[in-house]
Protein backbone atom coordinates (compact mmCIF):
# COMPACT_ATOMS: atom_id res chain seq x y z
CA MET A 1 9.33 12.89 -7.55
CA ASN A 2 13.02 12.52 -8.52
CA TRP A 3 13.74 10.25 -5.47
CA LEU A 4 11.44 7.96 -7.32
CA ASP A 5 13.06 7.55 -10.44
CA LYS A 6 16.01 5.23 -9.07
CA TYR A 7 13.07 2.83 -8.65
CA LYS A 8 11.94 2.88 -12.83
CA ASN A 9 13.77 -0.08 -13.57
CA LYS A 10 12.80 -2.38 -10.74
CA LEU A 11 9.13 -1.08 -10.83
CA GLY A 12 8.27 -1.64 -14.17
CA VAL A 13 4.58 -1.06 -14.99
CA ARG A 14 4.30 0.11 -11.48
CA TYR A 15 6.51 2.83 -11.76
CA SER A 16 3.84 4.70 -13.53
CA THR A 17 1.13 4.43 -10.96
CA TYR A 18 3.58 5.57 -8.07
CA LYS A 19 4.74 8.42 -9.74
CA LYS A 20 1.17 9.51 -10.35
CA LEU A 21 0.27 8.93 -6.43
CA PHE A 22 3.44 10.28 -5.10
CA GLU A 23 2.87 13.64 -7.24
CA VAL A 24 -0.62 14.10 -6.13
CA ALA A 25 0.22 13.09 -2.44
CA ASP A 26 2.81 16.01 -2.65
CA GLU A 27 0.50 18.46 -4.40
CA ARG A 28 -2.27 17.52 -1.70
CA LYS A 29 0.46 17.69 1.11
CA LEU A 30 -1.17 13.86 2.15
CA LYS A 31 1.39 12.46 4.83
CA PHE A 32 -0.72 9.64 6.77
CA ILE A 33 -0.56 6.21 5.29
CA VAL A 34 -1.77 3.00 5.49
CA GLU A 35 -0.64 -0.28 4.17
CA THR A 36 -2.38 -3.50 4.04
CA GLY A 37 0.26 -6.56 3.60
CA THR A 38 3.67 -5.36 3.95
CA ALA A 39 6.68 -6.16 1.80
CA ARG A 40 7.59 -9.95 2.11
CA GLY A 41 11.03 -10.20 0.46
CA LYS A 42 12.59 -13.24 -0.75
CA ASN A 43 14.64 -16.08 0.92
CA LYS A 44 16.03 -18.46 -1.48
CA PHE A 45 17.71 -20.17 1.18
CA TYR A 46 16.02 -20.05 5.20
CA TYR A 47 19.85 -19.44 6.21
CA LEU A 48 20.10 -16.30 3.88
CA LYS A 49 18.84 -13.20 5.01
CA PRO A 50 15.79 -11.64 3.13
CA ARG A 51 16.03 -9.92 -0.05
CA VAL A 52 14.68 -7.09 -1.39
CA ASN A 53 12.47 -8.68 -4.20
CA TRP A 54 10.81 -6.08 -6.71
CA LYS A 55 8.56 -8.71 -8.68
CA ASP A 56 6.65 -8.41 -5.56
CA GLY A 57 6.34 -4.51 -5.99
CA MET A 58 8.16 -3.24 -2.56
CA SER A 59 5.52 -0.51 -1.79
CA THR A 60 6.53 -0.94 1.80
CA MET A 61 9.84 0.65 1.23
CA LEU A 62 8.42 3.45 -1.18
CA PHE A 63 6.13 4.40 1.29
CA ALA A 64 8.68 4.44 4.26
CA GLU A 65 10.79 6.63 1.93
CA TYR A 66 8.18 9.17 0.97
CA SER A 67 7.40 9.53 4.46
CA ASP A 68 10.59 10.34 5.46
CA LYS A 69 10.69 12.97 2.74
CA VAL A 70 7.20 14.90 3.91
CA LYS A 71 8.06 13.83 7.90
CA GLY A 72 4.81 11.67 7.39
CA THR A 73 3.76 8.66 9.28
CA PHE A 74 3.30 5.35 7.26
CA TRP A 75 1.66 2.21 9.10
CA SER A 76 2.23 -1.28 7.37
CA CYS A 77 0.09 -3.97 8.54
CA ASP A 78 0.43 -8.02 7.77
CA ILE A 79 -0.70 -10.95 9.49
CA ASP A 80 2.46 -12.64 9.23
CA GLU A 81 5.15 -12.10 11.59
CA GLN A 82 7.94 -12.89 9.45
CA ASN A 83 6.89 -10.49 6.42
CA ILE A 84 7.02 -7.56 9.00
CA SER A 85 10.18 -8.62 10.37
CA ASN A 86 11.33 -8.77 6.80
CA ALA A 87 9.70 -5.17 5.97
CA TYR A 88 11.47 -3.86 9.07
CA LYS A 89 14.76 -4.85 7.94
CA PHE A 90 14.05 -3.28 4.37
CA THR A 91 12.79 0.13 5.67
CA LYS A 92 15.21 0.22 8.63
CA LYS A 93 16.70 3.77 7.78
CA PHE A 94 13.30 5.28 7.82
CA SER A 95 12.06 3.52 11.05
CA LYS A 96 11.00 7.10 12.37
CA ASN A 97 8.38 7.24 10.29
CA VAL A 98 7.08 3.61 10.07
CA ASN A 99 5.21 1.92 11.96
CA PHE A 100 4.41 -1.84 11.77
CA VAL A 101 1.51 -3.78 12.91
CA ILE A 102 1.30 -7.91 13.06
CA ALA A 103 -2.68 -8.57 12.62
CA ASP A 104 -5.49 -9.35 10.41
CA SER A 105 -6.06 -6.09 8.40
CA LEU A 106 -9.65 -5.94 8.86
CA LEU A 107 -9.07 -5.79 12.77
CA PHE A 108 -5.93 -3.02 12.19
CA LEU A 109 -8.43 -1.08 9.81
CA LYS A 110 -11.42 -1.59 11.86
CA ASN A 111 -9.37 -0.24 15.40
CA LEU A 112 -7.74 2.78 13.15
CA THR A 113 -8.69 6.13 14.49
CA ASN A 114 -6.27 8.22 12.51
CA ASN A 115 -8.04 10.12 9.27
CA ILE A 116 -6.04 8.02 6.50
CA ASP A 117 -4.08 10.00 3.39
CA ILE A 118 -3.16 7.51 1.32
CA LEU A 119 -4.33 3.83 1.56
CA TYR A 120 -3.00 0.70 -0.12
CA LEU A 121 -5.13 -2.22 0.09
CA ASP A 122 -2.74 -5.31 -0.96
CA SER A 123 -3.43 -7.65 1.85
CA LEU A 124 -3.98 -11.02 -0.02
CA ASP A 125 -2.54 -11.98 -3.40
CA GLY A 126 -4.97 -11.71 -6.08
CA GLN A 127 -5.15 -15.62 -6.83
CA ILE A 128 -6.03 -16.54 -3.14
CA ALA A 129 -9.61 -17.83 -2.91
CA GLY A 130 -11.95 -14.52 -1.19
CA ALA A 131 -9.04 -12.11 -2.26
CA SER A 132 -11.73 -10.23 -3.46
CA GLU A 133 -14.16 -10.55 -0.78
CA HIS A 134 -11.05 -9.70 1.50
CA GLN A 135 -10.38 -6.40 0.08
CA LEU A 136 -13.69 -5.34 -0.47
CA LYS A 137 -14.30 -5.55 3.73
CA GLU A 138 -11.10 -3.63 3.88
CA ALA A 139 -12.59 -1.05 2.03
CA GLN A 140 -15.69 -0.96 4.03
CA PHE A 141 -14.05 -0.85 7.04
CA SER A 142 -11.54 2.25 5.94
CA ILE A 143 -13.83 4.38 3.95
CA ASP A 144 -15.19 6.57 6.86
CA LYS A 145 -11.98 7.11 7.85
CA LEU A 146 -10.14 8.08 4.42
CA ASN A 147 -9.38 12.14 4.01
CA SER A 148 -11.90 13.94 1.13
CA LYS A 149 -8.52 14.48 -0.17
CA GLY A 150 -7.24 11.07 0.14
CA LEU A 151 -5.76 8.53 -2.48
CA ILE A 152 -6.53 5.26 -2.65
CA LEU A 153 -4.51 2.64 -4.29
CA LEU A 154 -5.18 -0.90 -5.17
CA ASP A 155 -3.07 -3.92 -6.32
CA ASP A 156 -3.82 -6.70 -8.26
CA LYS A 157 -6.30 -5.37 -10.64
CA GLY A 158 -9.24 -7.47 -12.04
CA ALA A 159 -7.73 -10.46 -9.83
CA LYS A 160 -8.98 -8.95 -6.51
CA THR A 161 -10.72 -5.30 -7.15
CA ASN A 162 -13.90 -6.74 -8.73
CA LEU A 163 -15.92 -6.01 -5.68
CA SER A 164 -13.88 -2.70 -4.16
CA ILE A 165 -13.80 -0.57 -7.15
CA PRO A 166 -17.66 -0.61 -7.72
CA PHE A 167 -17.65 0.02 -3.66
CA PHE A 168 -15.38 3.28 -4.27
CA LEU A 169 -17.33 4.32 -7.42
CA ASP A 170 -20.81 3.84 -5.60
CA ASN A 171 -19.00 6.08 -2.54
CA LYS A 172 -18.06 9.09 -5.13
CA TRP A 173 -14.31 8.05 -5.73
CA ASN A 174 -13.12 8.05 -9.14
CA ILE A 175 -10.34 6.27 -10.77
CA ILE A 176 -7.66 8.99 -11.65
CA PHE A 177 -4.97 6.47 -13.23
CA GLU A 178 -4.88 2.93 -13.65
CA ASN A 179 -2.59 0.28 -15.34
CA GLN A 180 -2.96 -3.35 -16.19
CA GLN A 181 -1.88 -4.13 -12.26
CA GLN A 182 -3.19 -1.32 -10.45
CA VAL A 183 -5.88 1.39 -9.79
CA LEU A 184 -5.66 4.76 -8.35
CA LEU A 185 -8.55 6.50 -7.19
CA SER A 186 -9.48 9.88 -5.68
CA LYS A 187 -12.05 12.32 -4.99
């Protein structure tokens, strides 16, 4: 995963999680990625174009680049049109592998017909009321669509994973890596 090294300083504590995720994904030849909640970017002043905000994680950029490298497919869903617009700009050079959907993540996951190889649930920030319940619903809508060799990444550990982690564990998924912000699960 040499391509990921250029992001090491930018990702901070998240780097180790993404390194593990992409190493396992590469070993298992995982190519169909779904993300709920997209890279928002940062507009300091409304008249300036959006900037990459690594404090926000920017997983969309990482998944887009990985998809390009493995000739995979990446779907990112967000309810906010401006977030999707920003994320599109950030990932433009990988556009042949990237698909964006403006929709509520629950509806998107409920209607998705593909088998998911990598699922990243990050549609609400952990401090928002109801974030844990929302992530649990996302987990419930997606669990039957997950590849048996797939991976699940949950963000905002402890803030919104209180219900989704027990749900996945009860459904025979195992934690294979975690840090203070993220949890990676596999079967």
